[in-house]
């Protein structure tokens, strides 16, 4: 009876290793520009639930690489990967929902996915939220405190970006020096608590 768990774990390890090898092969084909080889490999892995492959397949559909351009299929695969926590897919799904690419335009759901991506340390989503809270959108009311916080996090990704610097300046103008200092500390703590970008 004890042999079964060991055999089962060995089989799971082999399948996982095989998926990783196949995914890496598909990534290599994609990097080479061999979309005809990459797309079917990503399709097989995506059907097995591999979130990285689902995202890549969405990307290939979105751009018409290795087959016809299909924005509905792209949104479908972005969503499948996004619900599994794939950050780039979360952002890509948010953009598709915001712009109505491949699915009905839905600013409220887009904002949910931008928040998820931003909370998973996606700099583009953090900047988008900074802009949204600064100006207000269909689904997000203006809030300079939140705008400043998200811009501050986005600045970790692109410290020299003039648009982020302008957003920090504009959102910070209505805050006191103490509020800005507290938000700077909150952003630092947020990043440190999540230990992003560290080995």
C-alpha atoms as a PDB file:
ATOM      1  CA  UNK A   1       0.000   0.000   0.000  1.00  0.00           C
ATOM      2  CA  UNK A   2       2.854   2.401   0.692  1.00  0.00           C
ATOM      3  CA  UNK A   3       4.181   1.917  -2.791  1.00  0.00           C
ATOM      4  CA  UNK A   4       1.153   3.636  -4.407  1.00  0.00           C
ATOM      5  CA  UNK A   5       1.876   7.154  -3.045  1.00  0.00           C
ATOM      6  CA  UNK A   6       5.510   6.895  -4.130  1.00  0.00           C
ATOM      7  CA  UNK A   7       4.586   5.732  -7.633  1.00  0.00           C
ATOM      8  CA  UNK A   8       1.896   8.432  -7.880  1.00  0.00           C
ATOM      9  CA  UNK A   9       4.335  11.186  -6.836  1.00  0.00           C
ATOM     10  CA  UNK A  10       6.914   9.911  -9.309  1.00  0.00           C
ATOM     11  CA  UNK A  11       4.334  10.016 -12.118  1.00  0.00           C
ATOM     12  CA  UNK A  12       3.249  13.566 -11.176  1.00  0.00           C
ATOM     13  CA  UNK A  13       6.907  14.658 -11.162  1.00  0.00           C
ATOM     14  CA  UNK A  14       7.475  13.180 -14.610  1.00  0.00           C
ATOM     15  CA  UNK A  15       4.377  14.863 -16.033  1.00  0.00           C
ATOM     16  CA  UNK A  16       5.400  18.211 -14.494  1.00  0.00           C
ATOM     17  CA  UNK A  17       8.924  17.894 -15.882  1.00  0.00           C
ATOM     18  CA  UNK A  18       7.518  16.955 -19.286  1.00  0.00           C
ATOM     19  CA  UNK A  19       5.211  20.018 -19.273  1.00  0.00           C
ATOM     20  CA  UNK A  20       8.103  22.252 -18.311  1.00  0.00           C
ATOM     21  CA  UNK A  21      10.291  20.865 -21.111  1.00  0.00           C
ATOM     22  CA  UNK A  22       7.511  21.228 -23.652  1.00  0.00           C
ATOM     23  CA  UNK A  23       6.726  24.758 -22.472  1.00  0.00           C
ATOM     24  CA  UNK A  24      10.390  25.716 -22.743  1.00  0.00           C
ATOM     25  CA  UNK A  25      10.501  24.217 -26.247  1.00  0.00           C
ATOM     26  CA  UNK A  26       7.438  26.260 -27.222  1.00  0.00           C
ATOM     27  CA  UNK A  27       8.982  29.410 -25.701  1.00  0.00           C
ATOM     28  CA  UNK A  28      12.180  28.780 -27.661  1.00  0.00           C
ATOM     29  CA  UNK A  29      10.181  28.385 -30.885  1.00  0.00           C
ATOM     30  CA  UNK A  30       8.321  31.626 -30.090  1.00  0.00           C
ATOM     31  CA  UNK A  31      11.596  33.488 -29.481  1.00  0.00           C
ATOM     32  CA  UNK A  32      12.933  32.167 -32.807  1.00  0.00           C
ATOM     33  CA  UNK A  33       9.822  33.443 -34.551  1.00  0.00           C
ATOM     34  CA  UNK A  34       8.769  29.895 -35.429  1.00  0.00           C
ATOM     35  CA  UNK A  35       5.087  30.510 -34.724  1.00  0.00           C
ATOM     36  CA  UNK A  36       3.998  27.450 -36.710  1.00  0.00           C
ATOM     37  CA  UNK A  37       5.810  25.264 -34.154  1.00  0.00           C
ATOM     38  CA  UNK A  38       5.044  27.369 -31.071  1.00  0.00           C
ATOM     39  CA  UNK A  39       1.299  27.667 -31.520  1.00  0.00           C
ATOM     40  CA  UNK A  40       0.379  23.938 -31.535  1.00  0.00           C
ATOM     41  CA  UNK A  41       2.696  23.294 -28.585  1.00  0.00           C
ATOM     42  CA  UNK A  42       1.063  26.098 -26.588  1.00  0.00           C
ATOM     43  CA  UNK A  43      -2.377  24.799 -27.642  1.00  0.00           C
ATOM     44  CA  UNK A  44      -1.627  21.333 -26.207  1.00  0.00           C
ATOM     45  CA  UNK A  45      -0.316  22.760 -22.939  1.00  0.00           C
ATOM     46  CA  UNK A  46      -3.103  25.340 -22.654  1.00  0.00           C
ATOM     47  CA  UNK A  47      -5.713  22.578 -23.015  1.00  0.00           C
ATOM     48  CA  UNK A  48      -4.007  20.845 -20.062  1.00  0.00           C
ATOM     49  CA  UNK A  49      -4.460  23.995 -17.952  1.00  0.00           C
ATOM     50  CA  UNK A  50      -0.920  25.423 -18.069  1.00  0.00           C
ATOM     51  CA  UNK A  51      -1.398  29.189 -17.367  1.00  0.00           C
ATOM     52  CA  UNK A  52       1.814  30.329 -19.075  1.00  0.00           C
ATOM     53  CA  UNK A  53       0.793  28.490 -22.233  1.00  0.00           C
ATOM     54  CA  UNK A  54      -2.729  29.884 -22.016  1.00  0.00           C
ATOM     55  CA  UNK A  55      -1.314  33.402 -21.868  1.00  0.00           C
ATOM     56  CA  UNK A  56       1.057  32.751 -24.767  1.00  0.00           C
ATOM     57  CA  UNK A  57      -1.753  31.248 -26.818  1.00  0.00           C
ATOM     58  CA  UNK A  58      -3.824  34.372 -26.141  1.00  0.00           C
ATOM     59  CA  UNK A  59      -0.891  36.474 -27.299  1.00  0.00           C
ATOM     60  CA  UNK A  60      -0.534  34.454 -30.514  1.00  0.00           C
ATOM     61  CA  UNK A  61      -4.269  34.757 -31.243  1.00  0.00           C
ATOM     62  CA  UNK A  62      -4.232  38.481 -30.417  1.00  0.00           C
ATOM     63  CA  UNK A  63      -1.449  39.130 -32.903  1.00  0.00           C
ATOM     64  CA  UNK A  64      -2.329  36.549 -35.576  1.00  0.00           C
ATOM     65  CA  UNK A  65       0.941  34.665 -35.162  1.00  0.00           C
ATOM     66  CA  UNK A  66       1.029  31.051 -36.344  1.00  0.00           C
ATOM     67  CA  UNK A  67      -2.598  31.312 -37.469  1.00  0.00           C
ATOM     68  CA  UNK A  68      -5.360  33.800 -37.993  1.00  0.00           C
ATOM     69  CA  UNK A  69      -5.916  36.753 -35.665  1.00  0.00           C
ATOM     70  CA  UNK A  70      -8.782  35.970 -33.286  1.00  0.00           C
ATOM     71  CA  UNK A  71      -9.502  38.494 -30.528  1.00  0.00           C
ATOM     72  CA  UNK A  72     -12.266  36.346 -29.002  1.00  0.00           C
ATOM     73  CA  UNK A  73      -9.917  33.383 -28.658  1.00  0.00           C
ATOM     74  CA  UNK A  74      -7.239  35.696 -27.237  1.00  0.00           C
ATOM     75  CA  UNK A  75      -9.627  37.003 -24.568  1.00  0.00           C
ATOM     76  CA  UNK A  76     -10.753  33.445 -23.784  1.00  0.00           C
ATOM     77  CA  UNK A  77      -7.175  32.256 -23.165  1.00  0.00           C
ATOM     78  CA  UNK A  78      -6.238  35.410 -21.256  1.00  0.00           C
ATOM     79  CA  UNK A  79      -9.173  34.793 -18.921  1.00  0.00           C
ATOM     80  CA  UNK A  80      -8.261  31.123 -18.416  1.00  0.00           C
ATOM     81  CA  UNK A  81      -4.715  32.116 -17.412  1.00  0.00           C
ATOM     82  CA  UNK A  82      -5.812  35.170 -15.401  1.00  0.00           C
ATOM     83  CA  UNK A  83      -8.077  33.199 -13.081  1.00  0.00           C
ATOM     84  CA  UNK A  84      -5.051  31.016 -12.294  1.00  0.00           C
ATOM     85  CA  UNK A  85      -3.101  34.104 -11.212  1.00  0.00           C
ATOM     86  CA  UNK A  86      -0.980  34.721 -14.322  1.00  0.00           C
ATOM     87  CA  UNK A  87      -0.150  38.425 -13.962  1.00  0.00           C
ATOM     88  CA  UNK A  88       0.437  39.286 -17.620  1.00  0.00           C
ATOM     89  CA  UNK A  89      -2.834  37.567 -18.480  1.00  0.00           C
ATOM     90  CA  UNK A  90      -4.622  39.575 -15.791  1.00  0.00           C
ATOM     91  CA  UNK A  91      -3.342  42.791 -17.359  1.00  0.00           C
ATOM     92  CA  UNK A  92      -4.112  41.618 -20.898  1.00  0.00           C
ATOM     93  CA  UNK A  93      -7.642  40.637 -19.902  1.00  0.00           C
ATOM     94  CA  UNK A  94      -8.109  44.039 -18.248  1.00  0.00           C
ATOM     95  CA  UNK A  95      -7.045  45.802 -21.454  1.00  0.00           C
ATOM     96  CA  UNK A  96      -9.362  43.596 -23.545  1.00  0.00           C
ATOM     97  CA  UNK A  97     -12.279  44.381 -21.224  1.00  0.00           C
ATOM     98  CA  UNK A  98     -11.457  48.091 -21.140  1.00  0.00           C
ATOM     99  CA  UNK A  99     -11.324  48.365 -24.930  1.00  0.00           C
ATOM    100  CA  UNK A 100     -13.836  45.671 -25.878  1.00  0.00           C
ATOM    101  CA  UNK A 101     -11.278  43.554 -27.746  1.00  0.00           C
ATOM    102  CA  UNK A 102     -12.721  40.106 -28.334  1.00  0.00           C
ATOM    103  CA  UNK A 103     -15.457  40.461 -25.719  1.00  0.00           C
ATOM    104  CA  UNK A 104     -17.993  43.019 -24.619  1.00  0.00           C
ATOM    105  CA  UNK A 105     -16.514  46.216 -23.219  1.00  0.00           C
ATOM    106  CA  UNK A 106     -16.849  46.135 -19.419  1.00  0.00           C
ATOM    107  CA  UNK A 107     -15.058  48.960 -17.538  1.00  0.00           C
ATOM    108  CA  UNK A 108     -16.082  47.598 -14.125  1.00  0.00           C
ATOM    109  CA  UNK A 109     -14.649  44.137 -14.735  1.00  0.00           C
ATOM    110  CA  UNK A 110     -11.596  45.722 -16.385  1.00  0.00           C
ATOM    111  CA  UNK A 111     -10.940  47.668 -13.207  1.00  0.00           C
ATOM    112  CA  UNK A 112     -11.171  44.452 -11.150  1.00  0.00           C
ATOM    113  CA  UNK A 113      -8.538  42.803 -13.327  1.00  0.00           C
ATOM    114  CA  UNK A 114      -6.311  45.907 -13.300  1.00  0.00           C
ATOM    115  CA  UNK A 115      -6.480  45.787  -9.497  1.00  0.00           C
ATOM    116  CA  UNK A 116      -5.555  42.083  -9.446  1.00  0.00           C
ATOM    117  CA  UNK A 117      -2.611  42.631 -11.770  1.00  0.00           C
ATOM    118  CA  UNK A 118      -1.466  45.698  -9.806  1.00  0.00           C
ATOM    119  CA  UNK A 119      -1.691  43.775  -6.546  1.00  0.00           C
ATOM    120  CA  UNK A 120       0.523  41.142  -8.181  1.00  0.00           C
ATOM    121  CA  UNK A 121       3.089  43.880  -8.903  1.00  0.00           C
ATOM    122  CA  UNK A 122       2.375  44.623 -12.549  1.00  0.00           C
ATOM    123  CA  UNK A 123       3.818  48.091 -13.181  1.00  0.00           C
ATOM    124  CA  UNK A 124       1.553  48.847 -16.149  1.00  0.00           C
ATOM    125  CA  UNK A 125      -1.559  48.057 -14.079  1.00  0.00           C
ATOM    126  CA  UNK A 126      -0.229  50.136 -11.177  1.00  0.00           C
ATOM    127  CA  UNK A 127       0.270  53.115 -13.460  1.00  0.00           C
ATOM    128  CA  UNK A 128      -3.167  52.582 -15.021  1.00  0.00           C
ATOM    129  CA  UNK A 129      -4.723  52.662 -11.539  1.00  0.00           C
ATOM    130  CA  UNK A 130      -2.757  55.812 -10.710  1.00  0.00           C
ATOM    131  CA  UNK A 131      -4.177  57.469 -13.830  1.00  0.00           C
ATOM    132  CA  UNK A 132      -7.677  56.151 -13.108  1.00  0.00           C
ATOM    133  CA  UNK A 133      -7.717  57.380  -9.518  1.00  0.00           C
ATOM    134  CA  UNK A 134      -6.192  60.710 -10.518  1.00  0.00           C
ATOM    135  CA  UNK A 135      -8.739  61.492 -13.229  1.00  0.00           C
ATOM    136  CA  UNK A 136     -11.637  59.230 -12.338  1.00  0.00           C
ATOM    137  CA  UNK A 137     -13.115  56.760 -14.834  1.00  0.00           C
ATOM    138  CA  UNK A 138     -16.442  55.116 -15.558  1.00  0.00           C
ATOM    139  CA  UNK A 139     -15.740  52.566 -12.834  1.00  0.00           C
ATOM    140  CA  UNK A 140     -13.313  54.347 -10.486  1.00  0.00           C
ATOM    141  CA  UNK A 141     -13.954  57.629  -8.722  1.00  0.00           C
ATOM    142  CA  UNK A 142     -11.160  60.178  -8.410  1.00  0.00           C
ATOM    143  CA  UNK A 143      -9.042  59.719  -5.286  1.00  0.00           C
ATOM    144  CA  UNK A 144      -5.656  61.487  -5.115  1.00  0.00           C
ATOM    145  CA  UNK A 145      -4.521  59.390  -2.127  1.00  0.00           C
ATOM    146  CA  UNK A 146      -4.997  56.134  -4.008  1.00  0.00           C
ATOM    147  CA  UNK A 147      -3.590  57.674  -7.182  1.00  0.00           C
ATOM    148  CA  UNK A 148      -0.420  58.673  -5.338  1.00  0.00           C
ATOM    149  CA  UNK A 149      -0.051  55.189  -3.809  1.00  0.00           C
ATOM    150  CA  UNK A 150      -0.379  53.374  -7.163  1.00  0.00           C
ATOM    151  CA  UNK A 151       1.942  55.822  -8.928  1.00  0.00           C
ATOM    152  CA  UNK A 152       4.472  55.297  -6.149  1.00  0.00           C
ATOM    153  CA  UNK A 153       4.367  51.541  -6.732  1.00  0.00           C
ATOM    154  CA  UNK A 154       4.570  51.999 -10.504  1.00  0.00           C
ATOM    155  CA  UNK A 155       7.685  54.121 -10.006  1.00  0.00           C
ATOM    156  CA  UNK A 156       9.540  51.027  -8.750  1.00  0.00           C
ATOM    157  CA  UNK A 157       9.193  49.571 -12.235  1.00  0.00           C
ATOM    158  CA  UNK A 158      10.064  52.697 -14.189  1.00  0.00           C
ATOM    159  CA  UNK A 159      11.691  55.283 -11.897  1.00  0.00           C
ATOM    160  CA  UNK A 160      12.547  57.689 -14.714  1.00  0.00           C
ATOM    161  CA  UNK A 161       9.122  57.711 -16.379  1.00  0.00           C
ATOM    162  CA  UNK A 162       7.993  61.343 -16.810  1.00  0.00           C
ATOM    163  CA  UNK A 163       4.286  60.366 -16.824  1.00  0.00           C
ATOM    164  CA  UNK A 164       4.630  58.612 -13.457  1.00  0.00           C
ATOM    165  CA  UNK A 165       6.590  61.546 -12.042  1.00  0.00           C
ATOM    166  CA  UNK A 166       3.889  63.930 -13.296  1.00  0.00           C
ATOM    167  CA  UNK A 167       1.186  61.717 -11.776  1.00  0.00           C
ATOM    168  CA  UNK A 168       2.974  61.672  -8.420  1.00  0.00           C
ATOM    169  CA  UNK A 169       3.345  65.442  -8.535  1.00  0.00           C
ATOM    170  CA  UNK A 170      -0.261  66.076  -9.555  1.00  0.00           C
ATOM    171  CA  UNK A 171      -1.835  63.599  -7.110  1.00  0.00           C
ATOM    172  CA  UNK A 172       0.537  64.672  -4.339  1.00  0.00           C
ATOM    173  CA  UNK A 173      -0.343  68.357  -4.762  1.00  0.00           C
ATOM    174  CA  UNK A 174      -3.591  67.900  -2.837  1.00  0.00           C
ATOM    175  CA  UNK A 175      -1.909  65.891  -0.062  1.00  0.00           C
ATOM    176  CA  UNK A 176       0.059  67.161   2.901  1.00  0.00           C
ATOM    177  CA  UNK A 177       3.752  66.400   3.213  1.00  0.00           C
ATOM    178  CA  UNK A 178       2.901  64.006   6.054  1.00  0.00           C
ATOM    179  CA  UNK A 179       0.316  62.178   3.900  1.00  0.00           C
ATOM    180  CA  UNK A 180       2.850  61.761   1.088  1.00  0.00           C
ATOM    181  CA  UNK A 181       5.457  60.530   3.557  1.00  0.00           C
ATOM    182  CA  UNK A 182       2.988  58.003   5.004  1.00  0.00           C
ATOM    183  CA  UNK A 183       2.042  56.793   1.519  1.00  0.00           C
ATOM    184  CA  UNK A 184       5.712  56.465   0.554  1.00  0.00           C
ATOM    185  CA  UNK A 185       6.266  54.321   3.655  1.00  0.00           C
ATOM    186  CA  UNK A 186       3.110  52.303   2.921  1.00  0.00           C
ATOM    187  CA  UNK A 187       4.327  51.618  -0.639  1.00  0.00           C
ATOM    188  CA  UNK A 188       7.759  50.576   0.648  1.00  0.00           C
ATOM    189  CA  UNK A 189       6.163  48.283   3.234  1.00  0.00           C
ATOM    190  CA  UNK A 190       3.795  46.846   0.630  1.00  0.00           C
ATOM    191  CA  UNK A 191       6.713  45.894  -1.608  1.00  0.00           C
ATOM    192  CA  UNK A 192       8.839  44.584   1.240  1.00  0.00           C
ATOM    193  CA  UNK A 193       5.977  42.462   2.592  1.00  0.00           C
ATOM    194  CA  UNK A 194       5.554  40.828  -0.787  1.00  0.00           C
ATOM    195  CA  UNK A 195       9.301  40.490  -1.349  1.00  0.00           C
ATOM    196  CA  UNK A 196       8.903  41.220  -5.080  1.00  0.00           C
ATOM    197  CA  UNK A 197      11.910  40.903  -7.299  1.00  0.00           C
ATOM    198  CA  UNK A 198      14.129  39.144  -4.805  1.00  0.00           C
ATOM    199  CA  UNK A 199      15.796  35.756  -4.993  1.00  0.00           C
END
